[in-house]
Amino acid sequence: TLTPHYDPRVEEFVVNEVLSVFKQAEEEEAAASEHDPLVLILQEQLPTQKAEQELLKEEVKNLTESQHHVI
């Protein structure tokens, strides 16, 4: 029969595997927190685009109201 015994090579392998998983997770998290230049540009443009969208909504509303007055 086989009896279990302690093998330091197995422990070393398991520890290295676990550490590599943690390291990979940290690297992925770091990469996710770094902003792509395109993302930064889009973030800068967002307030302007929102303002333009609000102006367009207001214009559509005014046009719709003026059409109701004509009819």
N, C-alpha and C. Protein backbone atom coordinates (compact mmCIF):
# COMPACT_ATOMS: atom_id res chain seq x y z
N THR A 1 0.84 -1.20 0.00
CA THR A 1 0.00 0.00 0.00
C THR A 1 0.88 1.25 0.00
N LEU A 2 0.30 2.29 -0.52
CA LEU A 2 1.01 3.57 -0.55
C LEU A 2 0.69 4.36 0.71
N THR A 3 1.67 4.95 1.28
CA THR A 3 1.45 5.80 2.45
C THR A 3 1.79 7.23 2.07
N PRO A 4 0.95 8.17 2.49
CA PRO A 4 1.24 9.57 2.16
C PRO A 4 2.50 10.04 2.87
N HIS A 5 3.23 10.84 2.21
CA HIS A 5 4.42 11.40 2.83
C HIS A 5 4.61 12.84 2.34
N TYR A 6 5.33 13.60 3.08
CA TYR A 6 5.58 15.00 2.77
C TYR A 6 6.64 15.08 1.68
N ASP A 7 6.33 15.83 0.63
CA ASP A 7 7.31 16.03 -0.44
C ASP A 7 7.48 17.54 -0.62
N PRO A 8 8.62 18.09 -0.29
CA PRO A 8 8.82 19.54 -0.40
C PRO A 8 8.67 20.04 -1.83
N ARG A 9 8.90 19.19 -2.81
CA ARG A 9 8.74 19.62 -4.20
C ARG A 9 7.28 19.93 -4.51
N VAL A 10 6.38 19.14 -3.94
CA VAL A 10 4.95 19.38 -4.15
C VAL A 10 4.55 20.70 -3.50
N GLU A 11 5.02 20.91 -2.29
CA GLU A 11 4.71 22.17 -1.59
C GLU A 11 5.23 23.36 -2.39
N GLU A 12 6.44 23.27 -2.87
CA GLU A 12 7.03 24.36 -3.65
C GLU A 12 6.22 24.62 -4.92
N PHE A 13 5.80 23.55 -5.58
CA PHE A 13 5.01 23.69 -6.80
C PHE A 13 3.69 24.39 -6.51
N VAL A 14 3.00 23.95 -5.47
CA VAL A 14 1.70 24.52 -5.11
C VAL A 14 1.85 25.99 -4.73
N VAL A 15 2.84 26.31 -3.92
CA VAL A 15 3.07 27.70 -3.51
C VAL A 15 3.35 28.57 -4.73
N ASN A 16 4.19 28.10 -5.64
CA ASN A 16 4.50 28.87 -6.84
C ASN A 16 3.27 29.08 -7.72
N GLU A 17 2.43 28.05 -7.83
CA GLU A 17 1.21 28.18 -8.62
C GLU A 17 0.27 29.24 -8.02
N VAL A 18 0.10 29.17 -6.71
CA VAL A 18 -0.78 30.13 -6.03
C VAL A 18 -0.23 31.55 -6.18
N LEU A 19 1.07 31.71 -5.98
CA LEU A 19 1.68 33.04 -6.12
C LEU A 19 1.55 33.55 -7.55
N SER A 20 1.67 32.68 -8.53
CA SER A 20 1.56 33.13 -9.91
C SER A 20 0.13 33.58 -10.22
N VAL A 21 -0.86 32.92 -9.62
CA VAL A 21 -2.25 33.35 -9.82
C VAL A 21 -2.46 34.73 -9.21
N PHE A 22 -1.94 34.95 -8.00
CA PHE A 22 -2.06 36.27 -7.37
C PHE A 22 -1.34 37.34 -8.19
N LYS A 23 -0.16 37.01 -8.69
CA LYS A 23 0.61 37.97 -9.47
C LYS A 23 -0.13 38.34 -10.75
N GLN A 24 -0.70 37.34 -11.41
CA GLN A 24 -1.45 37.60 -12.64
C GLN A 24 -2.66 38.49 -12.35
N ALA A 25 -3.35 38.23 -11.26
CA ALA A 25 -4.51 39.05 -10.90
C ALA A 25 -4.09 40.48 -10.63
N GLU A 26 -2.97 40.67 -9.95
CA GLU A 26 -2.47 42.03 -9.68
C GLU A 26 -2.10 42.74 -10.97
N GLU A 27 -1.46 42.02 -11.90
CA GLU A 27 -1.08 42.63 -13.17
C GLU A 27 -2.31 43.03 -13.97
N GLU A 28 -3.33 42.18 -13.97
CA GLU A 28 -4.56 42.51 -14.70
C GLU A 28 -5.24 43.72 -14.08
N GLU A 29 -5.24 43.80 -12.76
CA GLU A 29 -5.84 44.94 -12.08
C GLU A 29 -5.08 46.21 -12.40
N ALA A 30 -3.75 46.14 -12.41
CA ALA A 30 -2.93 47.31 -12.74
C ALA A 30 -3.17 47.74 -14.17
N ALA A 31 -3.27 46.79 -15.08
CA ALA A 31 -3.51 47.12 -16.48
C ALA A 31 -4.88 47.76 -16.65
N ALA A 32 -5.86 47.29 -15.90
CA ALA A 32 -7.20 47.85 -16.00
C ALA A 32 -7.25 49.27 -15.46
N SER A 33 -6.40 49.59 -14.50
CA SER A 33 -6.43 50.93 -13.92
C SER A 33 -5.66 51.94 -14.77
N GLU A 34 -4.79 51.46 -15.65
CA GLU A 34 -4.08 52.37 -16.55
C GLU A 34 -5.04 52.77 -17.66
N HIS A 35 -5.12 54.07 -17.93
CA HIS A 35 -6.06 54.53 -18.93
C HIS A 35 -5.40 54.64 -20.29
N ASP A 36 -6.07 54.09 -21.25
CA ASP A 36 -5.66 54.20 -22.64
C ASP A 36 -5.80 55.67 -23.04
N PRO A 37 -4.89 56.21 -23.84
CA PRO A 37 -4.99 57.61 -24.27
C PRO A 37 -6.34 57.92 -24.92
N LEU A 38 -6.87 56.98 -25.67
CA LEU A 38 -8.17 57.20 -26.31
C LEU A 38 -9.27 57.36 -25.26
N VAL A 39 -9.21 56.57 -24.20
CA VAL A 39 -10.20 56.68 -23.13
C VAL A 39 -10.11 58.07 -22.49
N LEU A 40 -8.89 58.55 -22.27
CA LEU A 40 -8.72 59.88 -21.67
C LEU A 40 -9.30 60.97 -22.58
N ILE A 41 -9.07 60.86 -23.87
CA ILE A 41 -9.61 61.84 -24.82
C ILE A 41 -11.13 61.82 -24.78
N LEU A 42 -11.70 60.62 -24.79
CA LEU A 42 -13.16 60.51 -24.76
C LEU A 42 -13.73 61.07 -23.46
N GLN A 43 -13.04 60.84 -22.36
CA GLN A 43 -13.50 61.38 -21.08
C GLN A 43 -13.48 62.91 -21.09
N GLU A 44 -12.47 63.48 -21.74
CA GLU A 44 -12.39 64.94 -21.83
C GLU A 44 -13.51 65.50 -22.70
N GLN A 45 -13.89 64.77 -23.74
CA GLN A 45 -14.90 65.25 -24.68
C GLN A 45 -16.32 65.06 -24.16
N LEU A 46 -16.50 64.19 -23.20
CA LEU A 46 -17.83 63.83 -22.73
C LEU A 46 -18.67 65.02 -22.26
N PRO A 47 -18.15 65.92 -21.42
CA PRO A 47 -18.98 67.06 -20.98
C PRO A 47 -19.46 67.92 -22.15
N THR A 48 -18.59 68.16 -23.12
CA THR A 48 -18.97 68.95 -24.29
C THR A 48 -20.07 68.25 -25.07
N GLN A 49 -19.92 66.95 -25.26
CA GLN A 49 -20.93 66.19 -26.00
C GLN A 49 -22.26 66.18 -25.27
N LYS A 50 -22.22 66.10 -23.94
CA LYS A 50 -23.46 66.13 -23.17
C LYS A 50 -24.15 67.48 -23.32
N ALA A 51 -23.37 68.55 -23.29
CA ALA A 51 -23.93 69.89 -23.44
C ALA A 51 -24.56 70.05 -24.82
N GLU A 52 -23.87 69.56 -25.85
CA GLU A 52 -24.41 69.64 -27.21
C GLU A 52 -25.69 68.83 -27.32
N GLN A 53 -25.73 67.68 -26.67
CA GLN A 53 -26.92 66.84 -26.69
C GLN A 53 -28.10 67.57 -26.03
N GLU A 54 -27.84 68.25 -24.93
CA GLU A 54 -28.91 69.00 -24.26
C GLU A 54 -29.43 70.12 -25.16
N LEU A 55 -28.52 70.81 -25.85
CA LEU A 55 -28.95 71.86 -26.78
C LEU A 55 -29.82 71.28 -27.89
N LEU A 56 -29.41 70.15 -28.43
CA LEU A 56 -30.20 69.52 -29.49
C LEU A 56 -31.58 69.10 -28.97
N LYS A 57 -31.64 68.58 -27.76
CA LYS A 57 -32.93 68.21 -27.18
C LYS A 57 -33.84 69.43 -27.06
N GLU A 58 -33.24 70.54 -26.63
CA GLU A 58 -34.01 71.78 -26.48
C GLU A 58 -34.52 72.26 -27.84
N GLU A 59 -33.66 72.18 -28.86
CA GLU A 59 -34.07 72.59 -30.20
C GLU A 59 -35.20 71.72 -30.72
N VAL A 60 -35.10 70.41 -30.51
CA VAL A 60 -36.16 69.50 -30.95
C VAL A 60 -37.46 69.83 -30.23
N LYS A 61 -37.36 70.10 -28.94
CA LYS A 61 -38.55 70.44 -28.16
C LYS A 61 -39.19 71.72 -28.70
N ASN A 62 -38.36 72.73 -28.99
CA ASN A 62 -38.88 73.99 -29.52
C ASN A 62 -39.51 73.79 -30.89
N LEU A 63 -38.88 73.00 -31.74
CA LEU A 63 -39.44 72.74 -33.07
C LEU A 63 -40.77 72.00 -32.96
N THR A 64 -40.83 71.05 -32.06
CA THR A 64 -42.07 70.29 -31.87
C THR A 64 -43.18 71.21 -31.39
N GLU A 65 -42.86 72.10 -30.45
CA GLU A 65 -43.86 73.04 -29.94
C GLU A 65 -44.31 74.00 -31.04
N SER A 66 -43.38 74.47 -31.86
CA SER A 66 -43.76 75.40 -32.92
C SER A 66 -44.60 74.70 -33.97
N GLN A 67 -44.38 73.42 -34.21
CA GLN A 67 -45.21 72.67 -35.16
C GLN A 67 -46.63 72.53 -34.62
N HIS A 68 -46.76 72.34 -33.32
CA HIS A 68 -48.09 72.22 -32.73
C HIS A 68 -48.85 73.54 -32.86
N HIS A 69 -48.14 74.67 -32.78
CA HIS A 69 -48.79 75.97 -32.92
C HIS A 69 -49.23 76.20 -34.36
N VAL A 70 -48.49 75.67 -35.32
CA VAL A 70 -48.84 75.84 -36.74
C VAL A 70 -50.05 75.01 -37.07
N ILE A 71 -50.14 73.83 -36.49
CA ILE A 71 -51.27 72.92 -36.78
C ILE A 71 -52.46 73.42 -36.04
